[in-house]
Amino acid sequence: MLSHRNLMANIKQTSDVLNTQSNDVVMGSLPLFHAFGFTITQLLPLIEGLPLVCHAAPSDAPGIAGAIAKHKATIMFGTSSFCAFCTQSKGASTDAAKLEDSSCWGREAR
């Protein structure tokens, strides 16, 4: 179980590593039922005051890429398998390349 203090520490550490700026826009497509999706793609933008663009279908790589381009998202998080899926999908790699910071955490993609 994560405490409130754990959540806030994770958010602060991630924000510090990314050196988030007030003009950053976070692209959120990870499910909120997962601790990583909830903490980093939901709470971090709220706590840091960053705009958050949400996309409900994490397997819709072209839709996510379109949202990145439309809203000029600069930060996106994902698991390694999710990032591999997005970069290998047709029509997604061009718009996703516009991200300034993208982090893929987790086990090695296969």
C-alpha atoms as a PDB file:
ATOM      1  CA  MET A   1       0.000   0.000   0.000  1.00  0.00           C
ATOM      2  CA  LEU A   2       1.262   3.468  -0.862  1.00  0.00           C
ATOM      3  CA  SER A   3       0.823   6.241   1.677  1.00  0.00           C
ATOM      4  CA  HIS A   4       0.036   9.840   0.819  1.00  0.00           C
ATOM      5  CA  ARG A   5       3.651  10.646   1.631  1.00  0.00           C
ATOM      6  CA  ASN A   6       4.840   7.944  -0.827  1.00  0.00           C
ATOM      7  CA  LEU A   7       2.624   9.344  -3.595  1.00  0.00           C
ATOM      8  CA  MET A   8       3.800  12.901  -3.031  1.00  0.00           C
ATOM      9  CA  ALA A   9       7.455  11.818  -2.928  1.00  0.00           C
ATOM     10  CA  ASN A  10       7.050   9.929  -6.227  1.00  0.00           C
ATOM     11  CA  ILE A  11       5.393  12.943  -7.844  1.00  0.00           C
ATOM     12  CA  LYS A  12       8.056  15.383  -6.613  1.00  0.00           C
ATOM     13  CA  GLN A  13      10.940  13.126  -7.641  1.00  0.00           C
ATOM     14  CA  THR A  14       9.510  12.555 -11.116  1.00  0.00           C
ATOM     15  CA  SER A  15       8.826  16.257 -11.577  1.00  0.00           C
ATOM     16  CA  ASP A  16      12.375  17.094 -10.517  1.00  0.00           C
ATOM     17  CA  VAL A  17      13.912  14.531 -12.881  1.00  0.00           C
ATOM     18  CA  LEU A  18      11.835  15.827 -15.799  1.00  0.00           C
ATOM     19  CA  ASN A  19      12.396  19.460 -14.822  1.00  0.00           C
ATOM     20  CA  THR A  20       8.771  20.191 -15.654  1.00  0.00           C
ATOM     21  CA  GLN A  21       7.976  23.700 -16.834  1.00  0.00           C
ATOM     22  CA  SER A  22       4.696  25.624 -16.769  1.00  0.00           C
ATOM     23  CA  ASN A  23       4.320  25.248 -20.551  1.00  0.00           C
ATOM     24  CA  ASP A  24       4.557  21.423 -20.488  1.00  0.00           C
ATOM     25  CA  VAL A  25       1.489  19.398 -21.479  1.00  0.00           C
ATOM     26  CA  VAL A  26       1.122  15.811 -20.245  1.00  0.00           C
ATOM     27  CA  MET A  27      -0.390  13.125 -22.485  1.00  0.00           C
ATOM     28  CA  GLY A  28      -2.196  10.577 -20.320  1.00  0.00           C
ATOM     29  CA  SER A  29      -3.273   7.238 -21.719  1.00  0.00           C
ATOM     30  CA  LEU A  30      -2.371   4.799 -18.943  1.00  0.00           C
ATOM     31  CA  PRO A  31      -5.233   3.250 -16.962  1.00  0.00           C
ATOM     32  CA  LEU A  32      -5.921   4.950 -13.641  1.00  0.00           C
ATOM     33  CA  PHE A  33      -6.496   1.648 -11.835  1.00  0.00           C
ATOM     34  CA  HIS A  34      -2.724   1.067 -11.992  1.00  0.00           C
ATOM     35  CA  ALA A  35      -0.528   2.845  -9.426  1.00  0.00           C
ATOM     36  CA  PHE A  36       1.806   4.198 -12.128  1.00  0.00           C
ATOM     37  CA  GLY A  37      -1.038   5.538 -14.265  1.00  0.00           C
ATOM     38  CA  PHE A  38      -2.773   7.081 -11.276  1.00  0.00           C
ATOM     39  CA  THR A  39       0.305   8.643  -9.690  1.00  0.00           C
ATOM     40  CA  ILE A  40       2.244   9.861 -12.691  1.00  0.00           C
ATOM     41  CA  THR A  41      -0.336  10.554 -15.390  1.00  0.00           C
ATOM     42  CA  GLN A  42      -3.161  11.768 -13.135  1.00  0.00           C
ATOM     43  CA  LEU A  43      -1.782  13.214  -9.899  1.00  0.00           C
ATOM     44  CA  LEU A  44       1.503  14.699 -11.185  1.00  0.00           C
ATOM     45  CA  PRO A  45      -0.204  17.126 -13.620  1.00  0.00           C
ATOM     46  CA  LEU A  46      -2.764  18.099 -10.983  1.00  0.00           C
ATOM     47  CA  ILE A  47      -0.161  18.724  -8.272  1.00  0.00           C
ATOM     48  CA  GLU A  48       2.268  20.513 -10.616  1.00  0.00           C
ATOM     49  CA  GLY A  49      -0.471  22.554 -12.339  1.00  0.00           C
ATOM     50  CA  LEU A  50       0.221  21.102 -15.794  1.00  0.00           C
ATOM     51  CA  PRO A  51      -2.414  20.630 -18.490  1.00  0.00           C
ATOM     52  CA  LEU A  52      -3.384  16.983 -18.988  1.00  0.00           C
ATOM     53  CA  VAL A  53      -4.703  15.494 -22.225  1.00  0.00           C
ATOM     54  CA  CYS A  54      -6.405  12.132 -21.682  1.00  0.00           C
ATOM     55  CA  HIS A  55      -7.026   9.388 -24.216  1.00  0.00           C
ATOM     56  CA  ALA A  56      -9.219   6.522 -23.074  1.00  0.00           C
ATOM     57  CA  ALA A  57      -7.894   3.799 -25.385  1.00  0.00           C
ATOM     58  CA  PRO A  58      -4.240   2.985 -24.616  1.00  0.00           C
ATOM     59  CA  SER A  59      -4.064   0.658 -27.628  1.00  0.00           C
ATOM     60  CA  ASP A  60      -5.139   3.399 -30.078  1.00  0.00           C
ATOM     61  CA  ALA A  61      -1.650   4.543 -31.079  1.00  0.00           C
ATOM     62  CA  PRO A  62      -2.779   6.708 -34.050  1.00  0.00           C
ATOM     63  CA  GLY A  63      -5.397   8.389 -31.835  1.00  0.00           C
ATOM     64  CA  ILE A  64      -2.836   9.077 -29.115  1.00  0.00           C
ATOM     65  CA  ALA A  65      -0.373  10.416 -31.683  1.00  0.00           C
ATOM     66  CA  GLY A  66      -3.089  12.692 -33.082  1.00  0.00           C
ATOM     67  CA  ALA A  67      -3.867  14.006 -29.590  1.00  0.00           C
ATOM     68  CA  ILE A  68      -0.154  14.653 -29.011  1.00  0.00           C
ATOM     69  CA  ALA A  69      -0.023  16.734 -32.182  1.00  0.00           C
ATOM     70  CA  LYS A  70      -3.343  18.515 -31.622  1.00  0.00           C
ATOM     71  CA  HIS A  71      -2.629  19.548 -28.031  1.00  0.00           C
ATOM     72  CA  LYS A  72       1.149  19.922 -28.402  1.00  0.00           C
ATOM     73  CA  ALA A  73       1.857  17.437 -25.609  1.00  0.00           C
ATOM     74  CA  THR A  74       5.429  17.496 -24.388  1.00  0.00           C
ATOM     75  CA  ILE A  75       5.439  14.662 -21.821  1.00  0.00           C
ATOM     76  CA  MET A  76       4.064  11.126 -22.013  1.00  0.00           C
ATOM     77  CA  PHE A  77       4.628   8.122 -19.768  1.00  0.00           C
ATOM     78  CA  GLY A  78       4.136   4.477 -20.510  1.00  0.00           C
ATOM     79  CA  THR A  79       5.267   0.960 -19.894  1.00  0.00           C
ATOM     80  CA  SER A  80       7.945  -0.426 -22.186  1.00  0.00           C
ATOM     81  CA  SER A  81       5.461  -2.664 -24.015  1.00  0.00           C
ATOM     82  CA  PHE A  82       3.076   0.290 -24.505  1.00  0.00           C
ATOM     83  CA  CYS A  83       5.862   2.483 -25.906  1.00  0.00           C
ATOM     84  CA  ALA A  84       7.003  -0.293 -28.254  1.00  0.00           C
ATOM     85  CA  PHE A  85       3.419  -0.679 -29.489  1.00  0.00           C
ATOM     86  CA  CYS A  86       3.073   3.070 -30.107  1.00  0.00           C
ATOM     87  CA  THR A  87       6.328   3.416 -31.993  1.00  0.00           C
ATOM     88  CA  GLN A  88       5.589   0.412 -34.218  1.00  0.00           C
ATOM     89  CA  SER A  89       2.041   1.457 -35.157  1.00  0.00           C
ATOM     90  CA  LYS A  90       1.396   3.070 -38.534  1.00  0.00           C
ATOM     91  CA  GLY A  91       0.774   6.799 -38.354  1.00  0.00           C
ATOM     92  CA  ALA A  92       1.851   7.115 -34.743  1.00  0.00           C
ATOM     93  CA  SER A  93       5.599   7.578 -34.885  1.00  0.00           C
ATOM     94  CA  THR A  94       5.639  10.929 -36.699  1.00  0.00           C
ATOM     95  CA  ASP A  95       3.392  12.761 -34.234  1.00  0.00           C
ATOM     96  CA  ALA A  96       4.817  10.960 -31.194  1.00  0.00           C
ATOM     97  CA  ALA A  97       8.304  12.125 -32.188  1.00  0.00           C
ATOM     98  CA  LYS A  98       7.183  15.673 -31.273  1.00  0.00           C
ATOM     99  CA  LEU A  99       7.278  14.809 -27.565  1.00  0.00           C
ATOM    100  CA  GLU A 100      10.053  16.507 -25.623  1.00  0.00           C
ATOM    101  CA  ASP A 101      10.056  13.915 -22.821  1.00  0.00           C
ATOM    102  CA  SER A 102       8.774  10.388 -23.037  1.00  0.00           C
ATOM    103  CA  SER A 103       9.467   7.855 -20.357  1.00  0.00           C
ATOM    104  CA  CYS A 104       8.935   4.130 -20.682  1.00  0.00           C
ATOM    105  CA  TRP A 105       9.294   2.299 -17.411  1.00  0.00           C
ATOM    106  CA  GLY A 106       8.958  -1.355 -16.625  1.00  0.00           C
ATOM    107  CA  ARG A 107      10.359  -4.576 -17.898  1.00  0.00           C
ATOM    108  CA  GLU A 108      12.006  -4.895 -21.273  1.00  0.00           C
ATOM    109  CA  ALA A 109       9.627  -4.826 -24.248  1.00  0.00           C
ATOM    110  CA  ARG A 110       9.371  -8.047 -26.230  1.00  0.00           C
END
